[in-house]
Amino acid sequence: MNESTATKRNKPMATATPTFDELQAQIKKLTEQAQAVRKTEIDAVLTDMKAKIEKYGLTADQLGFSSTPKRTTVKKASTSTKEAVVMYKNGDLTWSGAARGRKPKWVMTAQAAGEDLEKYRVK
């Protein structure tokens, strides 16, 4: 073997950059392979799980799979179910004085004018 032949054998071959279509074909092939392997693994897991469920006599409830969905109820704030008590009144305009929400415009106007809200208090 001469030197030029030995050098050619040791040189790495220049690899061509794959095209977009070639990469897409590789992705498709790998995706199909991955799906096949996943199916095989899932089948093995299910077989194992079914055997253990049978062996230990586990129920759907014990596994967290109840037949009836659990409903969660949200309690509304008790103030929304009660009618607010009127504490201040100015003609037809009223205010409960509660700390929820903004003060009515007529209350803010009266306060800005320096009025004492006690004169509007319902007794």
PDB file of N, CA and C in Angstrom:
ATOM      1  N   MET A   1       0.848  -1.165   0.000  1.00  0.00           N
ATOM      2  CA  MET A   1       0.000   0.000   0.000  1.00  0.00           C
ATOM      3  C   MET A   1       0.896   1.231   0.000  1.00  0.00           C
ATOM      4  N   ASN A   2       0.619   2.127  -0.872  1.00  0.00           N
ATOM      5  CA  ASN A   2       1.445   3.323  -0.905  1.00  0.00           C
ATOM      6  C   ASN A   2       0.847   4.394   0.000  1.00  0.00           C
ATOM      7  N   GLU A   3       1.563   5.444   0.177  1.00  0.00           N
ATOM      8  CA  GLU A   3       1.186   6.490   1.128  1.00  0.00           C
ATOM      9  C   GLU A   3      -0.102   7.194   0.729  1.00  0.00           C
ATOM     10  N   SER A   4      -0.322   7.435  -0.521  1.00  0.00           N
ATOM     11  CA  SER A   4      -1.510   8.156  -0.962  1.00  0.00           C
ATOM     12  C   SER A   4      -2.773   7.333  -0.719  1.00  0.00           C
ATOM     13  N   THR A   5      -2.689   6.020  -0.849  1.00  0.00           N
ATOM     14  CA  THR A   5      -3.841   5.157  -0.597  1.00  0.00           C
ATOM     15  C   THR A   5      -4.170   5.153   0.886  1.00  0.00           C
ATOM     16  N   ALA A   6      -3.164   5.066   1.738  1.00  0.00           N
ATOM     17  CA  ALA A   6      -3.371   5.065   3.182  1.00  0.00           C
ATOM     18  C   ALA A   6      -3.966   6.394   3.632  1.00  0.00           C
ATOM     19  N   THR A   7      -3.524   7.480   3.067  1.00  0.00           N
ATOM     20  CA  THR A   7      -4.030   8.794   3.440  1.00  0.00           C
ATOM     21  C   THR A   7      -5.494   8.930   3.045  1.00  0.00           C
ATOM     22  N   LYS A   8      -5.860   8.418   1.880  1.00  0.00           N
ATOM     23  CA  LYS A   8      -7.246   8.497   1.431  1.00  0.00           C
ATOM     24  C   LYS A   8      -8.168   7.711   2.355  1.00  0.00           C
ATOM     25  N   ARG A   9      -7.695   6.565   2.852  1.00  0.00           N
ATOM     26  CA  ARG A   9      -8.521   5.738   3.728  1.00  0.00           C
ATOM     27  C   ARG A   9      -8.737   6.396   5.089  1.00  0.00           C
ATOM     28  N   ASN A  10      -7.784   7.119   5.606  1.00  0.00           N
ATOM     29  CA  ASN A  10      -7.885   7.738   6.914  1.00  0.00           C
ATOM     30  C   ASN A  10      -8.636   9.070   6.896  1.00  0.00           C
ATOM     31  N   LYS A  11      -8.748   9.678   5.715  1.00  0.00           N
ATOM     32  CA  LYS A  11      -9.444  10.955   5.634  1.00  0.00           C
ATOM     33  C   LYS A  11     -10.950  10.721   5.766  1.00  0.00           C
ATOM     34  N   PRO A  12     -11.589  11.514   6.600  1.00  0.00           N
ATOM     35  CA  PRO A  12     -13.043  11.376   6.656  1.00  0.00           C
ATOM     36  C   PRO A  12     -13.658  11.893   5.372  1.00  0.00           C
ATOM     37  N   MET A  13     -14.687  11.197   4.932  1.00  0.00           N
ATOM     38  CA  MET A  13     -15.360  11.618   3.710  1.00  0.00           C
ATOM     39  C   MET A  13     -16.181  12.869   4.020  1.00  0.00           C
ATOM     40  N   ALA A  14     -16.213  13.749   3.094  1.00  0.00           N
ATOM     41  CA  ALA A  14     -16.998  14.962   3.272  1.00  0.00           C
ATOM     42  C   ALA A  14     -18.470  14.567   3.162  1.00  0.00           C
ATOM     43  N   THR A  15     -19.250  14.922   4.193  1.00  0.00           N
ATOM     44  CA  THR A  15     -20.668  14.584   4.157  1.00  0.00           C
ATOM     45  C   THR A  15     -21.431  15.757   3.587  1.00  0.00           C
ATOM     46  N   ALA A  16     -22.363  15.450   2.719  1.00  0.00           N
ATOM     47  CA  ALA A  16     -23.176  16.503   2.117  1.00  0.00           C
ATOM     48  C   ALA A  16     -24.248  16.906   3.117  1.00  0.00           C
ATOM     49  N   THR A  17     -24.554  18.163   3.159  1.00  0.00           N
ATOM     50  CA  THR A  17     -25.608  18.668   4.032  1.00  0.00           C
ATOM     51  C   THR A  17     -26.939  18.181   3.479  1.00  0.00           C
ATOM     52  N   PRO A  18     -27.752  17.544   4.346  1.00  0.00           N
ATOM     53  CA  PRO A  18     -29.033  17.022   3.839  1.00  0.00           C
ATOM     54  C   PRO A  18     -29.980  18.166   3.468  1.00  0.00           C
ATOM     55  N   THR A  19     -30.842  17.876   2.529  1.00  0.00           N
ATOM     56  CA  THR A  19     -31.813  18.875   2.108  1.00  0.00           C
ATOM     57  C   THR A  19     -32.988  18.874   3.081  1.00  0.00           C
ATOM     58  N   PHE A  20     -33.822  19.881   2.970  1.00  0.00           N
ATOM     59  CA  PHE A  20     -35.011  19.993   3.813  1.00  0.00           C
ATOM     60  C   PHE A  20     -35.906  18.764   3.627  1.00  0.00           C
ATOM     61  N   ASP A  21     -36.118  18.377   2.389  1.00  0.00           N
ATOM     62  CA  ASP A  21     -36.973  17.221   2.108  1.00  0.00           C
ATOM     63  C   ASP A  21     -36.394  15.933   2.706  1.00  0.00           C
ATOM     64  N   GLU A  22     -35.073  15.779   2.638  1.00  0.00           N
ATOM     65  CA  GLU A  22     -34.437  14.599   3.230  1.00  0.00           C
ATOM     66  C   GLU A  22     -34.618  14.590   4.750  1.00  0.00           C
ATOM     67  N   LEU A  23     -34.470  15.764   5.365  1.00  0.00           N
ATOM     68  CA  LEU A  23     -34.666  15.849   6.816  1.00  0.00           C
ATOM     69  C   LEU A  23     -36.116  15.554   7.183  1.00  0.00           C
ATOM     70  N   GLN A  24     -37.055  16.059   6.392  1.00  0.00           N
ATOM     71  CA  GLN A  24     -38.468  15.795   6.654  1.00  0.00           C
ATOM     72  C   GLN A  24     -38.766  14.294   6.541  1.00  0.00           C
ATOM     73  N   ALA A  25     -38.157  13.635   5.576  1.00  0.00           N
ATOM     74  CA  ALA A  25     -38.346  12.188   5.405  1.00  0.00           C
ATOM     75  C   ALA A  25     -37.776  11.442   6.613  1.00  0.00           C
ATOM     76  N   GLN A  26     -36.611  11.890   7.099  1.00  0.00           N
ATOM     77  CA  GLN A  26     -36.019  11.262   8.290  1.00  0.00           C
ATOM     78  C   GLN A  26     -36.910  11.475   9.505  1.00  0.00           C
ATOM     79  N   ILE A  27     -37.450  12.687   9.643  1.00  0.00           N
ATOM     80  CA  ILE A  27     -38.345  12.985  10.771  1.00  0.00           C
ATOM     81  C   ILE A  27     -39.564  12.081  10.715  1.00  0.00           C
ATOM     82  N   LYS A  28     -40.143  11.933   9.532  1.00  0.00           N
ATOM     83  CA  LYS A  28     -41.330  11.083   9.379  1.00  0.00           C
ATOM     84  C   LYS A  28     -41.004   9.639   9.761  1.00  0.00           C
ATOM     85  N   LYS A  29     -39.866   9.150   9.280  1.00  0.00           N
ATOM     86  CA  LYS A  29     -39.472   7.770   9.570  1.00  0.00           C
ATOM     87  C   LYS A  29     -39.244   7.577  11.076  1.00  0.00           C
ATOM     88  N   LEU A  30     -38.560   8.543  11.706  1.00  0.00           N
ATOM     89  CA  LEU A  30     -38.300   8.453  13.142  1.00  0.00           C
ATOM     90  C   LEU A  30     -39.580   8.577  13.956  1.00  0.00           C
ATOM     91  N   THR A  31     -40.495   9.429  13.507  1.00  0.00           N
ATOM     92  CA  THR A  31     -41.770   9.579  14.202  1.00  0.00           C
ATOM     93  C   THR A  31     -42.551   8.274  14.158  1.00  0.00           C
ATOM     94  N   GLU A  32     -42.575   7.637  12.998  1.00  0.00           N
ATOM     95  CA  GLU A  32     -43.263   6.344  12.870  1.00  0.00           C
ATOM     96  C   GLU A  32     -42.618   5.298  13.772  1.00  0.00           C
ATOM     97  N   GLN A  33     -41.296   5.282  13.822  1.00  0.00           N
ATOM     98  CA  GLN A  33     -40.590   4.334  14.694  1.00  0.00           C
ATOM     99  C   GLN A  33     -40.913   4.620  16.158  1.00  0.00           C
ATOM    100  N   ALA A  34     -40.919   5.898  16.534  1.00  0.00           N
ATOM    101  CA  ALA A  34     -41.199   6.277  17.916  1.00  0.00           C
ATOM    102  C   ALA A  34     -42.620   5.869  18.303  1.00  0.00           C
ATOM    103  N   GLN A  35     -43.573   6.062  17.405  1.00  0.00           N
ATOM    104  CA  GLN A  35     -44.951   5.682  17.701  1.00  0.00           C
ATOM    105  C   GLN A  35     -45.080   4.170  17.876  1.00  0.00           C
ATOM    106  N   ALA A  36     -44.378   3.412  17.051  1.00  0.00           N
ATOM    107  CA  ALA A  36     -44.421   1.949  17.159  1.00  0.00           C
ATOM    108  C   ALA A  36     -43.816   1.495  18.483  1.00  0.00           C
ATOM    109  N   VAL A  37     -42.684   2.089  18.873  1.00  0.00           N
ATOM    110  CA  VAL A  37     -42.039   1.728  20.146  1.00  0.00           C
ATOM    111  C   VAL A  37     -42.937   2.128  21.311  1.00  0.00           C
ATOM    112  N   ARG A  38     -43.552   3.289  21.228  1.00  0.00           N
ATOM    113  CA  ARG A  38     -44.452   3.757  22.289  1.00  0.00           C
ATOM    114  C   ARG A  38     -45.623   2.809  22.455  1.00  0.00           C
ATOM    115  N   LYS A  39     -46.215   2.375  21.342  1.00  0.00           N
ATOM    116  CA  LYS A  39     -47.339   1.445  21.406  1.00  0.00           C
ATOM    117  C   LYS A  39     -46.916   0.144  22.074  1.00  0.00           C
ATOM    118  N   THR A  40     -45.759  -0.348  21.720  1.00  0.00           N
ATOM    119  CA  THR A  40     -45.252  -1.583  22.318  1.00  0.00           C
ATOM    120  C   THR A  40     -45.044  -1.409  23.822  1.00  0.00           C
ATOM    121  N   GLU A  41     -44.458  -0.270  24.224  1.00  0.00           N
ATOM    122  CA  GLU A  41     -44.225  -0.010  25.644  1.00  0.00           C
ATOM    123  C   GLU A  41     -45.543   0.153  26.398  1.00  0.00           C
ATOM    124  N   ILE A  42     -46.498   0.848  25.795  1.00  0.00           N
ATOM    125  CA  ILE A  42     -47.805   1.026  26.452  1.00  0.00           C
ATOM    126  C   ILE A  42     -48.487  -0.322  26.632  1.00  0.00           C
ATOM    127  N   ASP A  43     -48.424  -1.160  25.606  1.00  0.00           N
ATOM    128  CA  ASP A  43     -49.035  -2.491  25.719  1.00  0.00           C
ATOM    129  C   ASP A  43     -48.406  -3.275  26.874  1.00  0.00           C
ATOM    130  N   ALA A  44     -47.090  -3.180  27.021  1.00  0.00           N
ATOM    131  CA  ALA A  44     -46.402  -3.893  28.108  1.00  0.00           C
ATOM    132  C   ALA A  44     -46.818  -3.330  29.469  1.00  0.00           C
ATOM    133  N   VAL A  45     -46.915  -2.009  29.569  1.00  0.00           N
ATOM    134  CA  VAL A  45     -47.311  -1.374  30.832  1.00  0.00           C
ATOM    135  C   VAL A  45     -48.737  -1.774  31.191  1.00  0.00           C
ATOM    136  N   LEU A  46     -49.632  -1.719  30.209  1.00  0.00           N
ATOM    137  CA  LEU A  46     -51.023  -2.086  30.473  1.00  0.00           C
ATOM    138  C   LEU A  46     -51.154  -3.540  30.915  1.00  0.00           C
ATOM    139  N   THR A  47     -50.422  -4.431  30.277  1.00  0.00           N
ATOM    140  CA  THR A  47     -50.460  -5.845  30.661  1.00  0.00           C
ATOM    141  C   THR A  47     -49.999  -5.996  32.105  1.00  0.00           C
ATOM    142  N   ASP A  48     -48.921  -5.301  32.459  1.00  0.00           N
ATOM    143  CA  ASP A  48     -48.398  -5.358  33.826  1.00  0.00           C
ATOM    144  C   ASP A  48     -49.398  -4.775  34.820  1.00  0.00           C
ATOM    145  N   MET A  49     -49.979  -3.638  34.477  1.00  0.00           N
ATOM    146  CA  MET A  49     -50.931  -2.986  35.382  1.00  0.00           C
ATOM    147  C   MET A  49     -52.181  -3.842  35.572  1.00  0.00           C
ATOM    148  N   LYS A  50     -52.688  -4.410  34.496  1.00  0.00           N
ATOM    149  CA  LYS A  50     -53.883  -5.257  34.591  1.00  0.00           C
ATOM    150  C   LYS A  50     -53.618  -6.456  35.485  1.00  0.00           C
ATOM    151  N   ALA A  51     -52.434  -7.038  35.362  1.00  0.00           N
ATOM    152  CA  ALA A  51     -52.079  -8.183  36.198  1.00  0.00           C
ATOM    153  C   ALA A  51     -52.033  -7.776  37.670  1.00  0.00           C
ATOM    154  N   LYS A  52     -51.461  -6.614  37.976  1.00  0.00           N
ATOM    155  CA  LYS A  52     -51.374  -6.165  39.367  1.00  0.00           C
ATOM    156  C   LYS A  52     -52.742  -5.788  39.915  1.00  0.00           C
ATOM    157  N   ILE A  53     -53.584  -5.176  39.084  1.00  0.00           N
ATOM    158  CA  ILE A  53     -54.939  -4.834  39.520  1.00  0.00           C
ATOM    159  C   ILE A  53     -55.703  -6.107  39.858  1.00  0.00           C
ATOM    160  N   GLU A  54     -55.559  -7.100  38.996  1.00  0.00           N
ATOM    161  CA  GLU A  54     -56.218  -8.397  39.229  1.00  0.00           C
ATOM    162  C   GLU A  54     -55.664  -9.065  40.491  1.00  0.00           C
ATOM    163  N   LYS A  55     -54.355  -9.065  40.633  1.00  0.00           N
ATOM    164  CA  LYS A  55     -53.705  -9.729  41.768  1.00  0.00           C
ATOM    165  C   LYS A  55     -54.139  -9.119  43.098  1.00  0.00           C
ATOM    166  N   TYR A  56     -54.194  -7.798  43.164  1.00  0.00           N
ATOM    167  CA  TYR A  56     -54.500  -7.126  44.421  1.00  0.00           C
ATOM    168  C   TYR A  56     -55.980  -6.746  44.555  1.00  0.00           C
ATOM    169  N   GLY A  57     -56.771  -7.002  43.534  1.00  0.00           N
ATOM    170  CA  GLY A  57     -58.194  -6.711  43.596  1.00  0.00           C
ATOM    171  C   GLY A  57     -58.492  -5.230  43.754  1.00  0.00           C
ATOM    172  N   LEU A  58     -57.741  -4.411  43.071  1.00  0.00           N
ATOM    173  CA  LEU A  58     -57.915  -2.965  43.188  1.00  0.00           C
ATOM    174  C   LEU A  58     -59.180  -2.507  42.459  1.00  0.00           C
ATOM    175  N   THR A  59     -59.800  -1.464  43.005  1.00  0.00           N
ATOM    176  CA  THR A  59     -61.003  -0.901  42.390  1.00  0.00           C
ATOM    177  C   THR A  59     -60.671   0.421  41.706  1.00  0.00           C
ATOM    178  N   ALA A  60     -61.602   0.864  40.883  1.00  0.00           N
ATOM    179  CA  ALA A  60     -61.419   2.135  40.181  1.00  0.00           C
ATOM    180  C   ALA A  60     -61.311   3.284  41.185  1.00  0.00           C
ATOM    181  N   ASP A  61     -62.092   3.220  42.268  1.00  0.00           N
ATOM    182  CA  ASP A  61     -62.017   4.266  43.290  1.00  0.00           C
ATOM    183  C   ASP A  61     -60.640   4.300  43.937  1.00  0.00           C
ATOM    184  N   GLN A  62     -60.082   3.131  44.222  1.00  0.00           N
ATOM    185  CA  GLN A  62     -58.754   3.082  44.838  1.00  0.00           C
ATOM    186  C   GLN A  62     -57.687   3.639  43.898  1.00  0.00           C
ATOM    187  N   LEU A  63     -57.914   3.491  42.616  1.00  0.00           N
ATOM    188  CA  LEU A  63     -56.953   4.002  41.633  1.00  0.00           C
ATOM    189  C   LEU A  63     -57.210   5.458  41.279  1.00  0.00           C
ATOM    190  N   GLY A  64     -58.260   6.036  41.867  1.00  0.00           N
ATOM    191  CA  GLY A  64     -58.563   7.433  41.611  1.00  0.00           C
ATOM    192  C   GLY A  64     -59.444   7.639  40.391  1.00  0.00           C
ATOM    193  N   PHE A  65     -60.100   6.564  39.928  1.00  0.00           N
ATOM    194  CA  PHE A  65     -60.984   6.653  38.776  1.00  0.00           C
ATOM    195  C   PHE A  65     -62.409   6.372  39.219  1.00  0.00           C
ATOM    196  N   SER A  66     -63.043   7.346  39.866  1.00  0.00           N
ATOM    197  CA  SER A  66     -64.408   7.126  40.319  1.00  0.00           C
ATOM    198  C   SER A  66     -65.351   7.228  39.136  1.00  0.00           C
ATOM    199  N   SER A  67     -66.463   6.535  39.220  1.00  0.00           N
ATOM    200  CA  SER A  67     -67.409   6.521  38.113  1.00  0.00           C
ATOM    201  C   SER A  67     -68.216   7.816  38.042  1.00  0.00           C
ATOM    202  N   THR A  68     -68.354   8.490  39.165  1.00  0.00           N
ATOM    203  CA  THR A  68     -69.071   9.761  39.162  1.00  0.00           C
ATOM    204  C   THR A  68     -68.071  10.875  39.420  1.00  0.00           C
ATOM    205  N   PRO A  69     -68.087  11.894  38.580  1.00  0.00           N
ATOM    206  CA  PRO A  69     -67.144  12.993  38.786  1.00  0.00           C
ATOM    207  C   PRO A  69     -67.470  13.752  40.072  1.00  0.00           C
ATOM    208  N   LYS A  70     -66.423  14.120  40.764  1.00  0.00           N
ATOM    209  CA  LYS A  70     -66.606  14.892  41.994  1.00  0.00           C
ATOM    210  C   LYS A  70     -66.825  16.342  41.611  1.00  0.00           C
ATOM    211  N   ARG A  71     -67.860  16.905  42.179  1.00  0.00           N
ATOM    212  CA  ARG A  71     -68.155  18.303  41.887  1.00  0.00           C
ATOM    213  C   ARG A  71     -67.674  19.166  43.035  1.00  0.00           C
ATOM    214  N   THR A  72     -67.064  20.229  42.662  1.00  0.00           N
ATOM    215  CA  THR A  72     -66.637  21.170  43.685  1.00  0.00           C
ATOM    216  C   THR A  72     -67.594  22.344  43.647  1.00  0.00           C
ATOM    217  N   THR A  73     -68.032  22.728  44.805  1.00  0.00           N
ATOM    218  CA  THR A  73     -68.953  23.852  44.864  1.00  0.00           C
ATOM    219  C   THR A  73     -68.204  25.069  45.382  1.00  0.00           C
ATOM    220  N   VAL A  74     -68.532  26.169  44.817  1.00  0.00           N
ATOM    221  CA  VAL A  74     -67.922  27.425  45.225  1.00  0.00           C
ATOM    222  C   VAL A  74     -68.964  28.191  46.012  1.00  0.00           C
ATOM    223  N   LYS A  75     -68.625  28.471  47.256  1.00  0.00           N
ATOM    224  CA  LYS A  75     -69.547  29.238  48.082  1.00  0.00           C
ATOM    225  C   LYS A  75     -69.432  30.709  47.729  1.00  0.00           C
ATOM    226  N   LYS A  76     -70.573  31.310  47.562  1.00  0.00           N
ATOM    227  CA  LYS A  76     -70.578  32.747  47.317  1.00  0.00           C
ATOM    228  C   LYS A  76     -70.449  33.462  48.650  1.00  0.00           C
ATOM    229  N   ALA A  77     -69.914  34.633  48.594  1.00  0.00           N
ATOM    230  CA  ALA A  77     -69.771  35.421  49.814  1.00  0.00           C
ATOM    231  C   ALA A  77     -71.150  35.670  50.408  1.00  0.00           C
ATOM    232  N   SER A  78     -71.242  35.582  51.710  1.00  0.00           N
ATOM    233  CA  SER A  78     -72.530  35.722  52.365  1.00  0.00           C
ATOM    234  C   SER A  78     -73.129  37.109  52.170  1.00  0.00           C
ATOM    235  N   THR A  79     -72.299  38.097  51.931  1.00  0.00           N
ATOM    236  CA  THR A  79     -72.824  39.458  51.743  1.00  0.00           C
ATOM    237  C   THR A  79     -73.592  39.569  50.445  1.00  0.00           C
ATOM    238  N   SER A  80     -73.292  38.710  49.464  1.00  0.00           N
ATOM    239  CA  SER A  80     -73.998  38.810  48.199  1.00  0.00           C
ATOM    240  C   SER A  80     -75.403  38.225  48.300  1.00  0.00           C
ATOM    241  N   THR A  81     -75.632  37.349  49.262  1.00  0.00           N
ATOM    242  CA  THR A  81     -76.955  36.758  49.404  1.00  0.00           C
ATOM    243  C   THR A  81     -77.851  37.593  50.312  1.00  0.00           C
ATOM    244  N   LYS A  82     -77.271  38.436  51.112  1.00  0.00           N
ATOM    245  CA  LYS A  82     -78.048  39.301  51.998  1.00  0.00           C
ATOM    246  C   LYS A  82     -78.259  40.644  51.331  1.00  0.00           C
ATOM    247  N   GLU A  83     -79.360  41.245  51.650  1.00  0.00           N
ATOM    248  CA  GLU A  83     -79.594  42.586  51.142  1.00  0.00           C
ATOM    249  C   GLU A  83     -78.856  43.585  52.040  1.00  0.00           C
ATOM    250  N   ALA A  84     -78.241  44.547  51.404  1.00  0.00           N
ATOM    251  CA  ALA A  84     -77.486  45.528  52.174  1.00  0.00           C
ATOM    252  C   ALA A  84     -78.451  46.414  52.980  1.00  0.00           C
ATOM    253  N   VAL A  85     -78.028  46.726  54.184  1.00  0.00           N
ATOM    254  CA  VAL A  85     -78.819  47.595  55.063  1.00  0.00           C
ATOM    255  C   VAL A  85     -78.459  49.037  54.752  1.00  0.00           C
ATOM    256  N   VAL A  86     -79.468  49.840  54.518  1.00  0.00           N
ATOM    257  CA  VAL A  86     -79.234  51.248  54.196  1.00  0.00           C
ATOM    258  C   VAL A  86     -78.829  51.984  55.463  1.00  0.00           C
ATOM    259  N   MET A  87     -77.647  52.612  55.434  1.00  0.00           N
ATOM    260  CA  MET A  87     -77.167  53.366  56.580  1.00  0.00           C
ATOM    261  C   MET A  87     -77.193  54.869  56.324  1.00  0.00           C
ATOM    262  N   TYR A  88     -77.095  55.262  55.044  1.00  0.00           N
ATOM    263  CA  TYR A  88     -77.077  56.682  54.695  1.00  0.00           C
ATOM    264  C   TYR A  88     -78.089  56.912  53.577  1.00  0.00           C
ATOM    265  N   LYS A  89     -78.798  58.030  53.662  1.00  0.00           N
ATOM    266  CA  LYS A  89     -79.826  58.323  52.670  1.00  0.00           C
ATOM    267  C   LYS A  89     -79.844  59.818  52.376  1.00  0.00           C
ATOM    268  N   ASN A  90     -79.916  60.135  51.077  1.00  0.00           N
ATOM    269  CA  ASN A  90     -80.010  61.514  50.625  1.00  0.00           C
ATOM    270  C   ASN A  90     -81.116  61.545  49.571  1.00  0.00           C
ATOM    271  N   GLY A  91     -82.333  61.809  49.990  1.00  0.00           N
ATOM    272  CA  GLY A  91     -83.477  61.755  49.074  1.00  0.00           C
ATOM    273  C   GLY A  91     -83.713  60.312  48.656  1.00  0.00           C
ATOM    274  N   ASP A  92     -83.677  60.050  47.352  1.00  0.00           N
ATOM    275  CA  ASP A  92     -83.843  58.685  46.840  1.00  0.00           C
ATOM    276  C   ASP A  92     -82.517  57.927  46.810  1.00  0.00           C
ATOM    277  N   LEU A  93     -81.426  58.598  47.028  1.00  0.00           N
ATOM    278  CA  LEU A  93     -80.101  57.985  46.967  1.00  0.00           C
ATOM    279  C   LEU A  93     -79.745  57.370  48.312  1.00  0.00           C
ATOM    280  N   THR A  94     -79.257  56.124  48.264  1.00  0.00           N
ATOM    281  CA  THR A  94     -78.903  55.433  49.512  1.00  0.00           C
ATOM    282  C   THR A  94     -77.518  54.831  49.400  1.00  0.00           C
ATOM    283  N   TRP A  95     -76.982  54.487  50.585  1.00  0.00           N
ATOM    284  CA  TRP A  95     -75.679  53.810  50.648  1.00  0.00           C
ATOM    285  C   TRP A  95     -75.665  52.985  51.913  1.00  0.00           C
ATOM    286  N   SER A  96     -75.149  51.754  51.796  1.00  0.00           N
ATOM    287  CA  SER A  96     -75.124  50.866  52.954  1.00  0.00           C
ATOM    288  C   SER A  96     -73.951  51.165  53.869  1.00  0.00           C
ATOM    289  N   GLY A  97     -72.957  51.877  53.369  1.00  0.00           N
ATOM    290  CA  GLY A  97     -71.798  52.185  54.189  1.00  0.00           C
ATOM    291  C   GLY A  97     -70.837  51.002  54.273  1.00  0.00           C
ATOM    292  N   ALA A  98     -71.159  49.940  53.548  1.00  0.00           N
ATOM    293  CA  ALA A  98     -70.306  48.745  53.579  1.00  0.00           C
ATOM    294  C   ALA A  98     -68.985  49.035  52.893  1.00  0.00           C
ATOM    295  N   ALA A  99     -67.996  48.254  53.232  1.00  0.00           N
ATOM    296  CA  ALA A  99     -66.655  48.464  52.698  1.00  0.00           C
ATOM    297  C   ALA A  99     -66.471  47.820  51.323  1.00  0.00           C
ATOM    298  N   ARG A 100     -67.508  47.247  50.750  1.00  0.00           N
ATOM    299  CA  ARG A 100     -67.344  46.614  49.448  1.00  0.00           C
ATOM    300  C   ARG A 100     -67.656  47.607  48.327  1.00  0.00           C
ATOM    301  N   GLY A 101     -66.819  47.651  47.371  1.00  0.00           N
ATOM    302  CA  GLY A 101     -67.032  48.535  46.234  1.00  0.00           C
ATOM    303  C   GLY A 101     -66.711  49.993  46.538  1.00  0.00           C
ATOM    304  N   ARG A 102     -66.977  50.832  45.572  1.00  0.00           N
ATOM    305  CA  ARG A 102     -66.718  52.271  45.711  1.00  0.00           C
ATOM    306  C   ARG A 102     -67.870  52.963  46.420  1.00  0.00           C
ATOM    307  N   LYS A 103     -67.549  54.095  46.951  1.00  0.00           N
ATOM    308  CA  LYS A 103     -68.593  54.932  47.541  1.00  0.00           C
ATOM    309  C   LYS A 103     -69.401  55.521  46.389  1.00  0.00           C
ATOM    310  N   PRO A 104     -70.701  55.713  46.592  1.00  0.00           N
ATOM    311  CA  PRO A 104     -71.501  56.332  45.541  1.00  0.00           C
ATOM    312  C   PRO A 104     -71.036  57.768  45.278  1.00  0.00           C
ATOM    313  N   LYS A 105     -71.346  58.241  44.116  1.00  0.00           N
ATOM    314  CA  LYS A 105     -70.918  59.585  43.703  1.00  0.00           C
ATOM    315  C   LYS A 105     -71.477  60.651  44.645  1.00  0.00           C
ATOM    316  N   TRP A 106     -72.709  60.484  45.074  1.00  0.00           N
ATOM    317  CA  TRP A 106     -73.303  61.506  45.938  1.00  0.00           C
ATOM    318  C   TRP A 106     -72.582  61.593  47.275  1.00  0.00           C
ATOM    319  N   VAL A 107     -72.040  60.428  47.769  1.00  0.00           N
ATOM    320  CA  VAL A 107     -71.289  60.431  49.033  1.00  0.00           C
ATOM    321  C   VAL A 107     -69.951  61.140  48.823  1.00  0.00           C
ATOM    322  N   MET A 108     -69.285  60.831  47.716  1.00  0.00           N
ATOM    323  CA  MET A 108     -67.990  61.471  47.451  1.00  0.00           C
ATOM    324  C   MET A 108     -68.151  62.978  47.258  1.00  0.00           C
ATOM    325  N   THR A 109     -69.232  63.377  46.585  1.00  0.00           N
ATOM    326  CA  THR A 109     -69.496  64.808  46.377  1.00  0.00           C
ATOM    327  C   THR A 109     -69.743  65.506  47.716  1.00  0.00           C
ATOM    328  N   ALA A 110     -70.538  64.861  48.577  1.00  0.00           N
ATOM    329  CA  ALA A 110     -70.837  65.452  49.887  1.00  0.00           C
ATOM    330  C   ALA A 110     -69.572  65.574  50.720  1.00  0.00           C
ATOM    331  N   GLN A 111     -68.715  64.554  50.707  1.00  0.00           N
ATOM    332  CA  GLN A 111     -67.470  64.589  51.464  1.00  0.00           C
ATOM    333  C   GLN A 111     -66.532  65.653  50.904  1.00  0.00           C
ATOM    334  N   ALA A 112     -66.483  65.766  49.573  1.00  0.00           N
ATOM    335  CA  ALA A 112     -65.619  66.779  48.953  1.00  0.00           C
ATOM    336  C   ALA A 112     -66.075  68.185  49.318  1.00  0.00           C
ATOM    337  N   ALA A 113     -67.379  68.337  49.540  1.00  0.00           N
ATOM    338  CA  ALA A 113     -67.917  69.646  49.914  1.00  0.00           C
ATOM    339  C   ALA A 113     -67.739  69.910  51.403  1.00  0.00           C
ATOM    340  N   GLY A 114     -67.158  68.943  52.118  1.00  0.00           N
ATOM    341  CA  GLY A 114     -66.895  69.123  53.540  1.00  0.00           C
ATOM    342  C   GLY A 114     -68.088  68.789  54.421  1.00  0.00           C
ATOM    343  N   GLU A 115     -69.088  68.146  53.875  1.00  0.00           N
ATOM    344  CA  GLU A 115     -70.264  67.798  54.672  1.00  0.00           C
ATOM    345  C   GLU A 115     -69.971  66.607  55.566  1.00  0.00           C
ATOM    346  N   ASP A 116     -70.662  66.561  56.674  1.00  0.00           N
ATOM    347  CA  ASP A 116     -70.546  65.440  57.598  1.00  0.00           C
ATOM    348  C   ASP A 116     -71.572  64.387  57.186  1.00  0.00           C
ATOM    349  N   LEU A 117     -71.102  63.172  56.925  1.00  0.00           N
ATOM    350  CA  LEU A 117     -72.015  62.111  56.493  1.00  0.00           C
ATOM    351  C   LEU A 117     -73.043  61.744  57.562  1.00  0.00           C
ATOM    352  N   GLU A 118     -72.759  62.074  58.785  1.00  0.00           N
ATOM    353  CA  GLU A 118     -73.696  61.735  59.875  1.00  0.00           C
ATOM    354  C   GLU A 118     -75.047  62.412  59.662  1.00  0.00           C
ATOM    355  N   LYS A 119     -75.091  63.505  58.954  1.00  0.00           N
ATOM    356  CA  LYS A 119     -76.372  64.165  58.736  1.00  0.00           C
ATOM    357  C   LYS A 119     -77.255  63.361  57.777  1.00  0.00           C
ATOM    358  N   TYR A 120     -76.634  62.403  57.021  1.00  0.00           N
ATOM    359  CA  TYR A 120     -77.378  61.544  56.108  1.00  0.00           C
ATOM    360  C   TYR A 120     -77.675  60.160  56.707  1.00  0.00           C
ATOM    361  N   ARG A 121     -77.183  59.932  57.923  1.00  0.00           N
ATOM    362  CA  ARG A 121     -77.350  58.619  58.550  1.00  0.00           C
ATOM    363  C   ARG A 121     -78.836  58.354  58.816  1.00  0.00           C
ATOM    364  N   VAL A 122     -79.244  57.126  58.474  1.00  0.00           N
ATOM    365  CA  VAL A 122     -80.613  56.682  58.731  1.00  0.00           C
ATOM    366  C   VAL A 122     -80.672  56.246  60.190  1.00  0.00           C
ATOM    367  N   LYS A 123     -81.712  56.719  60.919  1.00  0.00           N
ATOM    368  CA  LYS A 123     -81.802  56.400  62.345  1.00  0.00           C
ATOM    369  C   LYS A 123     -82.920  55.454  62.631  1.00  0.00           C
TER     370      LYS A 123
END
